[in-house]
Amino acid sequence: MSFNFGKKISNYRQKNNLTIQEMAERTKLSTAIISQIERGIGNPTYIVLESIANEMDISVSTLVSEEISNNELVLRKSERTVMHEEAGKILMYELLTERPFHNYMDMIFVELYPHGDTSGTYTVHHEEESVYIMHGCVTMEFEDEEIELHEGDTIRVLPNRKHILHNYSDEMAYIIDVKCKNSY
């Protein structure tokens, strides 16, 4: 990870064919300040960063956020966090995303054993959730209805809706569960 917003500014200028002088005029800052920031020297104030971020049409937090290399976003199968539960008649969760940076999403691989369920009781959370059935047949139970889901089906579960997932069949069910956190 590198923390170099000066490079972001320089890349923006080059991409938009702007000179330091033109960037300074657009941001109402001096060429010296722009040059210093791009070279990673000096300590710009929030107002200076806000002026630059406005020109770039991004937030200040985006401007100063850490750069994440694509390689750092890879999670190898051998590195995944695996959790087992028995409350729901045997269940295995495997996190497909870790949260080392600014991740607002959890993607989870779920193995739901025959005649098992996800928790033994209703679950409720503040995130929106999408459930994709990779293999098998499961039933999503809400407080007032049950919906049967087959291989290839997807269901969205809106925040604060009590639900539980059952596998009433005699075979394993494989599921991808994605929970999205609010990013604001």
C-alpha atoms as a PDB file:
ATOM      1  CA  MET A   1       0.000   0.000   0.000  1.00  0.00           C
ATOM      2  CA  SER A   2       1.260   3.447  -0.788  1.00  0.00           C
ATOM      3  CA  PHE A   3      -0.080   6.727   0.511  1.00  0.00           C
ATOM      4  CA  ASN A   4       0.721   9.241  -2.215  1.00  0.00           C
ATOM      5  CA  PHE A   5      -2.065  11.565  -3.229  1.00  0.00           C
ATOM      6  CA  GLY A   6       0.496  13.731  -5.066  1.00  0.00           C
ATOM      7  CA  LYS A   7       0.740  10.994  -7.680  1.00  0.00           C
ATOM      8  CA  LYS A   8      -3.059  11.006  -8.050  1.00  0.00           C
ATOM      9  CA  ILE A   9      -2.951  14.733  -8.748  1.00  0.00           C
ATOM     10  CA  SER A  10      -0.116  14.371 -11.236  1.00  0.00           C
ATOM     11  CA  ASN A  11      -1.909  11.512 -13.011  1.00  0.00           C
ATOM     12  CA  TYR A  12      -5.098  13.579 -13.174  1.00  0.00           C
ATOM     13  CA  ARG A  13      -3.214  16.506 -14.707  1.00  0.00           C
ATOM     14  CA  GLN A  14      -1.518  14.321 -17.293  1.00  0.00           C
ATOM     15  CA  LYS A  15      -4.721  12.487 -18.180  1.00  0.00           C
ATOM     16  CA  ASN A  16      -6.470  15.817 -18.741  1.00  0.00           C
ATOM     17  CA  ASN A  17      -3.479  17.428 -20.496  1.00  0.00           C
ATOM     18  CA  LEU A  18      -3.170  20.145 -17.869  1.00  0.00           C
ATOM     19  CA  THR A  19      -0.003  21.982 -16.985  1.00  0.00           C
ATOM     20  CA  ILE A  20       0.779  22.807 -13.374  1.00  0.00           C
ATOM     21  CA  GLN A  21      -0.096  26.414 -14.252  1.00  0.00           C
ATOM     22  CA  GLU A  22      -3.533  25.396 -15.589  1.00  0.00           C
ATOM     23  CA  MET A  23      -4.185  23.206 -12.543  1.00  0.00           C
ATOM     24  CA  ALA A  24      -3.199  26.099 -10.286  1.00  0.00           C
ATOM     25  CA  GLU A  25      -5.598  28.436 -12.100  1.00  0.00           C
ATOM     26  CA  ARG A  26      -8.485  25.967 -11.893  1.00  0.00           C
ATOM     27  CA  THR A  27      -7.914  25.345  -8.180  1.00  0.00           C
ATOM     28  CA  LYS A  28      -6.986  28.960  -7.349  1.00  0.00           C
ATOM     29  CA  LEU A  29      -3.754  27.704  -5.784  1.00  0.00           C
ATOM     30  CA  SER A  30      -0.166  28.589  -6.541  1.00  0.00           C
ATOM     31  CA  THR A  31       1.955  26.540  -8.922  1.00  0.00           C
ATOM     32  CA  ALA A  32       4.446  26.057  -6.072  1.00  0.00           C
ATOM     33  CA  ILE A  33       1.824  24.389  -3.872  1.00  0.00           C
ATOM     34  CA  ILE A  34       0.656  22.089  -6.686  1.00  0.00           C
ATOM     35  CA  SER A  35       4.246  21.164  -7.512  1.00  0.00           C
ATOM     36  CA  GLN A  36       5.154  20.482  -3.870  1.00  0.00           C
ATOM     37  CA  ILE A  37       2.108  18.283  -3.317  1.00  0.00           C
ATOM     38  CA  GLU A  38       2.796  16.303  -6.483  1.00  0.00           C
ATOM     39  CA  ARG A  39       6.377  15.700  -5.338  1.00  0.00           C
ATOM     40  CA  GLY A  40       5.218  14.584  -1.896  1.00  0.00           C
ATOM     41  CA  ILE A  41       6.698  17.489   0.026  1.00  0.00           C
ATOM     42  CA  GLY A  42       4.885  19.991   2.169  1.00  0.00           C
ATOM     43  CA  ASN A  43       1.807  19.513   4.292  1.00  0.00           C
ATOM     44  CA  PRO A  44      -1.286  20.856   2.517  1.00  0.00           C
ATOM     45  CA  THR A  45      -4.237  22.119   4.522  1.00  0.00           C
ATOM     46  CA  TYR A  46      -7.704  20.662   4.211  1.00  0.00           C
ATOM     47  CA  ILE A  47      -8.807  23.734   2.217  1.00  0.00           C
ATOM     48  CA  VAL A  48      -6.009  23.143  -0.310  1.00  0.00           C
ATOM     49  CA  LEU A  49      -6.913  19.467  -0.630  1.00  0.00           C
ATOM     50  CA  GLU A  50     -10.596  20.337  -0.952  1.00  0.00           C
ATOM     51  CA  SER A  51      -9.855  22.737  -3.798  1.00  0.00           C
ATOM     52  CA  ILE A  52      -7.865  20.068  -5.642  1.00  0.00           C
ATOM     53  CA  ALA A  53     -10.472  17.360  -4.953  1.00  0.00           C
ATOM     54  CA  ASN A  54     -13.226  19.628  -6.287  1.00  0.00           C
ATOM     55  CA  GLU A  55     -11.290  20.121  -9.523  1.00  0.00           C
ATOM     56  CA  MET A  56     -10.823  16.364  -9.810  1.00  0.00           C
ATOM     57  CA  ASP A  57     -14.532  15.823  -9.008  1.00  0.00           C
ATOM     58  CA  ILE A  58     -13.771  13.489  -6.098  1.00  0.00           C
ATOM     59  CA  SER A  59     -14.054  13.726  -2.316  1.00  0.00           C
ATOM     60  CA  VAL A  60     -11.110  14.741  -0.148  1.00  0.00           C
ATOM     61  CA  SER A  61     -11.199  11.309   1.479  1.00  0.00           C
ATOM     62  CA  THR A  62     -10.890   9.687  -1.955  1.00  0.00           C
ATOM     63  CA  LEU A  63      -7.994  11.997  -2.810  1.00  0.00           C
ATOM     64  CA  VAL A  64      -6.023  11.092   0.314  1.00  0.00           C
ATOM     65  CA  SER A  65      -7.057   7.441   0.550  1.00  0.00           C
ATOM     66  CA  GLU A  66      -4.438   4.757   0.289  1.00  0.00           C
ATOM     67  CA  GLU A  67      -3.747   3.209  -3.062  1.00  0.00           C
ATOM     68  CA  ILE A  68      -4.517  -0.483  -3.135  1.00  0.00           C
ATOM     69  CA  SER A  69      -2.769  -2.668  -5.664  1.00  0.00           C
ATOM     70  CA  ASN A  70      -4.853  -5.254  -7.490  1.00  0.00           C
ATOM     71  CA  ASN A  71      -2.609  -7.960  -6.077  1.00  0.00           C
ATOM     72  CA  GLU A  72      -3.564  -6.916  -2.533  1.00  0.00           C
ATOM     73  CA  LEU A  73      -7.216  -7.626  -3.383  1.00  0.00           C
ATOM     74  CA  VAL A  74      -6.616 -11.316  -4.082  1.00  0.00           C
ATOM     75  CA  LEU A  75      -7.709 -13.742  -1.380  1.00  0.00           C
ATOM     76  CA  ARG A  76      -6.315 -17.221  -1.943  1.00  0.00           C
ATOM     77  CA  LYS A  77      -8.474 -20.208  -1.068  1.00  0.00           C
ATOM     78  CA  SER A  78      -5.901 -21.333   1.502  1.00  0.00           C
ATOM     79  CA  GLU A  79      -6.131 -17.920   3.231  1.00  0.00           C
ATOM     80  CA  ARG A  80      -9.921 -17.798   3.642  1.00  0.00           C
ATOM     81  CA  THR A  81     -11.540 -17.650   7.051  1.00  0.00           C
ATOM     82  CA  VAL A  82     -13.699 -20.742   7.599  1.00  0.00           C
ATOM     83  CA  MET A  83     -16.351 -21.001  10.314  1.00  0.00           C
ATOM     84  CA  HIS A  84     -18.400 -24.047  11.285  1.00  0.00           C
ATOM     85  CA  GLU A  85     -21.675 -23.965  13.171  1.00  0.00           C
ATOM     86  CA  GLU A  86     -23.724 -26.777  14.568  1.00  0.00           C
ATOM     87  CA  ALA A  87     -26.714 -24.778  15.861  1.00  0.00           C
ATOM     88  CA  GLY A  88     -28.297 -24.955  12.424  1.00  0.00           C
ATOM     89  CA  LYS A  89     -27.675 -28.717  12.039  1.00  0.00           C
ATOM     90  CA  ILE A  90     -24.182 -28.377  10.567  1.00  0.00           C
ATOM     91  CA  LEU A  91     -23.259 -25.417   8.431  1.00  0.00           C
ATOM     92  CA  MET A  92     -19.989 -24.140   7.018  1.00  0.00           C
ATOM     93  CA  TYR A  93     -19.280 -20.490   6.142  1.00  0.00           C
ATOM     94  CA  GLU A  94     -16.208 -19.438   4.180  1.00  0.00           C
ATOM     95  CA  LEU A  95     -15.460 -15.718   3.785  1.00  0.00           C
ATOM     96  CA  LEU A  96     -14.637 -14.961   0.150  1.00  0.00           C
ATOM     97  CA  THR A  97     -13.755 -11.360   0.948  1.00  0.00           C
ATOM     98  CA  GLU A  98     -11.654 -10.074   3.777  1.00  0.00           C
ATOM     99  CA  ARG A  99     -11.902  -6.518   4.983  1.00  0.00           C
ATOM    100  CA  PRO A 100      -8.419  -5.030   5.111  1.00  0.00           C
ATOM    101  CA  PHE A 101      -9.352  -1.813   3.329  1.00  0.00           C
ATOM    102  CA  HIS A 102     -12.602   0.039   2.626  1.00  0.00           C
ATOM    103  CA  ASN A 103     -14.762  -2.951   1.836  1.00  0.00           C
ATOM    104  CA  TYR A 104     -18.490  -2.481   2.248  1.00  0.00           C
ATOM    105  CA  MET A 105     -19.305  -5.977   1.102  1.00  0.00           C
ATOM    106  CA  ASP A 106     -18.996  -9.447   2.576  1.00  0.00           C
ATOM    107  CA  MET A 107     -19.136 -12.334   0.125  1.00  0.00           C
ATOM    108  CA  ILE A 108     -19.563 -15.686   1.818  1.00  0.00           C
ATOM    109  CA  PHE A 109     -19.563 -19.233   0.454  1.00  0.00           C
ATOM    110  CA  VAL A 110     -22.063 -21.316   2.414  1.00  0.00           C
ATOM    111  CA  GLU A 111     -22.301 -25.109   2.532  1.00  0.00           C
ATOM    112  CA  LEU A 112     -25.712 -25.988   3.898  1.00  0.00           C
ATOM    113  CA  TYR A 113     -25.966 -29.648   4.863  1.00  0.00           C
ATOM    114  CA  PRO A 114     -29.055 -31.777   4.145  1.00  0.00           C
ATOM    115  CA  HIS A 115     -31.910 -30.965   6.531  1.00  0.00           C
ATOM    116  CA  GLY A 116     -29.892 -28.068   7.962  1.00  0.00           C
ATOM    117  CA  ASP A 117     -30.555 -24.373   8.262  1.00  0.00           C
ATOM    118  CA  THR A 118     -28.473 -21.239   8.606  1.00  0.00           C
ATOM    119  CA  SER A 119     -28.977 -20.417  12.252  1.00  0.00           C
ATOM    120  CA  GLY A 120     -31.677 -22.390  14.015  1.00  0.00           C
ATOM    121  CA  THR A 121     -33.598 -19.141  14.425  1.00  0.00           C
ATOM    122  CA  TYR A 122     -34.438 -16.033  12.436  1.00  0.00           C
ATOM    123  CA  THR A 123     -31.571 -13.712  11.519  1.00  0.00           C
ATOM    124  CA  VAL A 124     -31.967  -9.962  11.107  1.00  0.00           C
ATOM    125  CA  HIS A 125     -29.301  -7.420  10.123  1.00  0.00           C
ATOM    126  CA  HIS A 126     -28.937  -3.871   8.835  1.00  0.00           C
ATOM    127  CA  GLU A 127     -27.251  -4.851   5.583  1.00  0.00           C
ATOM    128  CA  GLU A 128     -28.942  -5.671   2.319  1.00  0.00           C
ATOM    129  CA  GLU A 129     -28.221  -9.244   1.326  1.00  0.00           C
ATOM    130  CA  SER A 130     -28.268 -11.167  -1.953  1.00  0.00           C
ATOM    131  CA  VAL A 131     -28.327 -14.946  -1.910  1.00  0.00           C
ATOM    132  CA  TYR A 132     -27.378 -16.980  -5.001  1.00  0.00           C
ATOM    133  CA  ILE A 133     -28.075 -20.710  -5.082  1.00  0.00           C
ATOM    134  CA  MET A 134     -25.130 -22.421  -6.788  1.00  0.00           C
ATOM    135  CA  HIS A 135     -26.330 -25.976  -6.212  1.00  0.00           C
ATOM    136  CA  GLY A 136     -29.317 -27.585  -4.571  1.00  0.00           C
ATOM    137  CA  CYS A 137     -32.746 -26.476  -3.474  1.00  0.00           C
ATOM    138  CA  VAL A 138     -33.313 -24.331  -0.374  1.00  0.00           C
ATOM    139  CA  THR A 139     -36.193 -22.478   1.225  1.00  0.00           C
ATOM    140  CA  MET A 140     -35.924 -18.869   2.398  1.00  0.00           C
ATOM    141  CA  GLU A 141     -38.304 -18.412   5.305  1.00  0.00           C
ATOM    142  CA  PHE A 142     -39.471 -14.964   6.318  1.00  0.00           C
ATOM    143  CA  GLU A 143     -41.822 -14.357   9.249  1.00  0.00           C
ATOM    144  CA  ASP A 144     -44.924 -14.651   7.082  1.00  0.00           C
ATOM    145  CA  GLU A 145     -43.881 -16.646   4.005  1.00  0.00           C
ATOM    146  CA  GLU A 146     -41.557 -19.276   2.575  1.00  0.00           C
ATOM    147  CA  ILE A 147     -39.934 -19.066  -0.857  1.00  0.00           C
ATOM    148  CA  GLU A 148     -38.396 -22.120  -2.513  1.00  0.00           C
ATOM    149  CA  LEU A 149     -35.163 -21.395  -4.375  1.00  0.00           C
ATOM    150  CA  HIS A 150     -33.483 -23.635  -6.944  1.00  0.00           C
ATOM    151  CA  GLU A 151     -30.039 -23.805  -8.514  1.00  0.00           C
ATOM    152  CA  GLY A 152     -29.326 -20.519 -10.335  1.00  0.00           C
ATOM    153  CA  ASP A 153     -31.958 -18.531  -8.398  1.00  0.00           C
ATOM    154  CA  THR A 154     -31.125 -15.324  -6.564  1.00  0.00           C
ATOM    155  CA  ILE A 155     -33.075 -13.548  -3.847  1.00  0.00           C
ATOM    156  CA  ARG A 156     -32.522 -10.130  -2.271  1.00  0.00           C
ATOM    157  CA  VAL A 157     -33.179  -9.762   1.423  1.00  0.00           C
ATOM    158  CA  LEU A 158     -33.822  -6.166   2.401  1.00  0.00           C
ATOM    159  CA  PRO A 159     -32.404  -4.768   5.659  1.00  0.00           C
ATOM    160  CA  ASN A 160     -34.180  -5.575   8.915  1.00  0.00           C
ATOM    161  CA  ARG A 161     -36.217  -8.484   7.513  1.00  0.00           C
ATOM    162  CA  LYS A 162     -36.176 -11.560   9.724  1.00  0.00           C
ATOM    163  CA  HIS A 163     -35.191 -14.620   7.718  1.00  0.00           C
ATOM    164  CA  ILE A 164     -33.706 -18.101   7.854  1.00  0.00           C
ATOM    165  CA  LEU A 165     -32.499 -20.390   5.072  1.00  0.00           C
ATOM    166  CA  HIS A 166     -33.439 -24.093   5.201  1.00  0.00           C
ATOM    167  CA  ASN A 167     -32.196 -27.071   3.233  1.00  0.00           C
ATOM    168  CA  TYR A 168     -35.085 -29.531   3.448  1.00  0.00           C
ATOM    169  CA  SER A 169     -33.522 -31.812   0.814  1.00  0.00           C
ATOM    170  CA  ASP A 170     -31.322 -34.889   1.143  1.00  0.00           C
ATOM    171  CA  GLU A 171     -28.364 -33.275  -0.664  1.00  0.00           C
ATOM    172  CA  MET A 172     -25.895 -30.498   0.055  1.00  0.00           C
ATOM    173  CA  ALA A 173     -26.746 -26.936  -0.964  1.00  0.00           C
ATOM    174  CA  TYR A 174     -23.996 -24.534  -2.033  1.00  0.00           C
ATOM    175  CA  ILE A 175     -24.738 -20.843  -1.761  1.00  0.00           C
ATOM    176  CA  ILE A 176     -23.028 -17.504  -2.330  1.00  0.00           C
ATOM    177  CA  ASP A 177     -24.256 -14.900   0.149  1.00  0.00           C
ATOM    178  CA  VAL A 178     -23.374 -11.233  -0.388  1.00  0.00           C
ATOM    179  CA  LYS A 179     -24.038  -8.661   2.338  1.00  0.00           C
ATOM    180  CA  CYS A 180     -23.613  -4.986   1.491  1.00  0.00           C
ATOM    181  CA  LYS A 181     -22.891  -2.492   4.242  1.00  0.00           C
ATOM    182  CA  ASN A 182     -24.014   1.093   3.984  1.00  0.00           C
ATOM    183  CA  SER A 183     -21.093   3.139   2.704  1.00  0.00           C
ATOM    184  CA  TYR A 184     -22.343   6.416   4.143  1.00  0.00           C
END
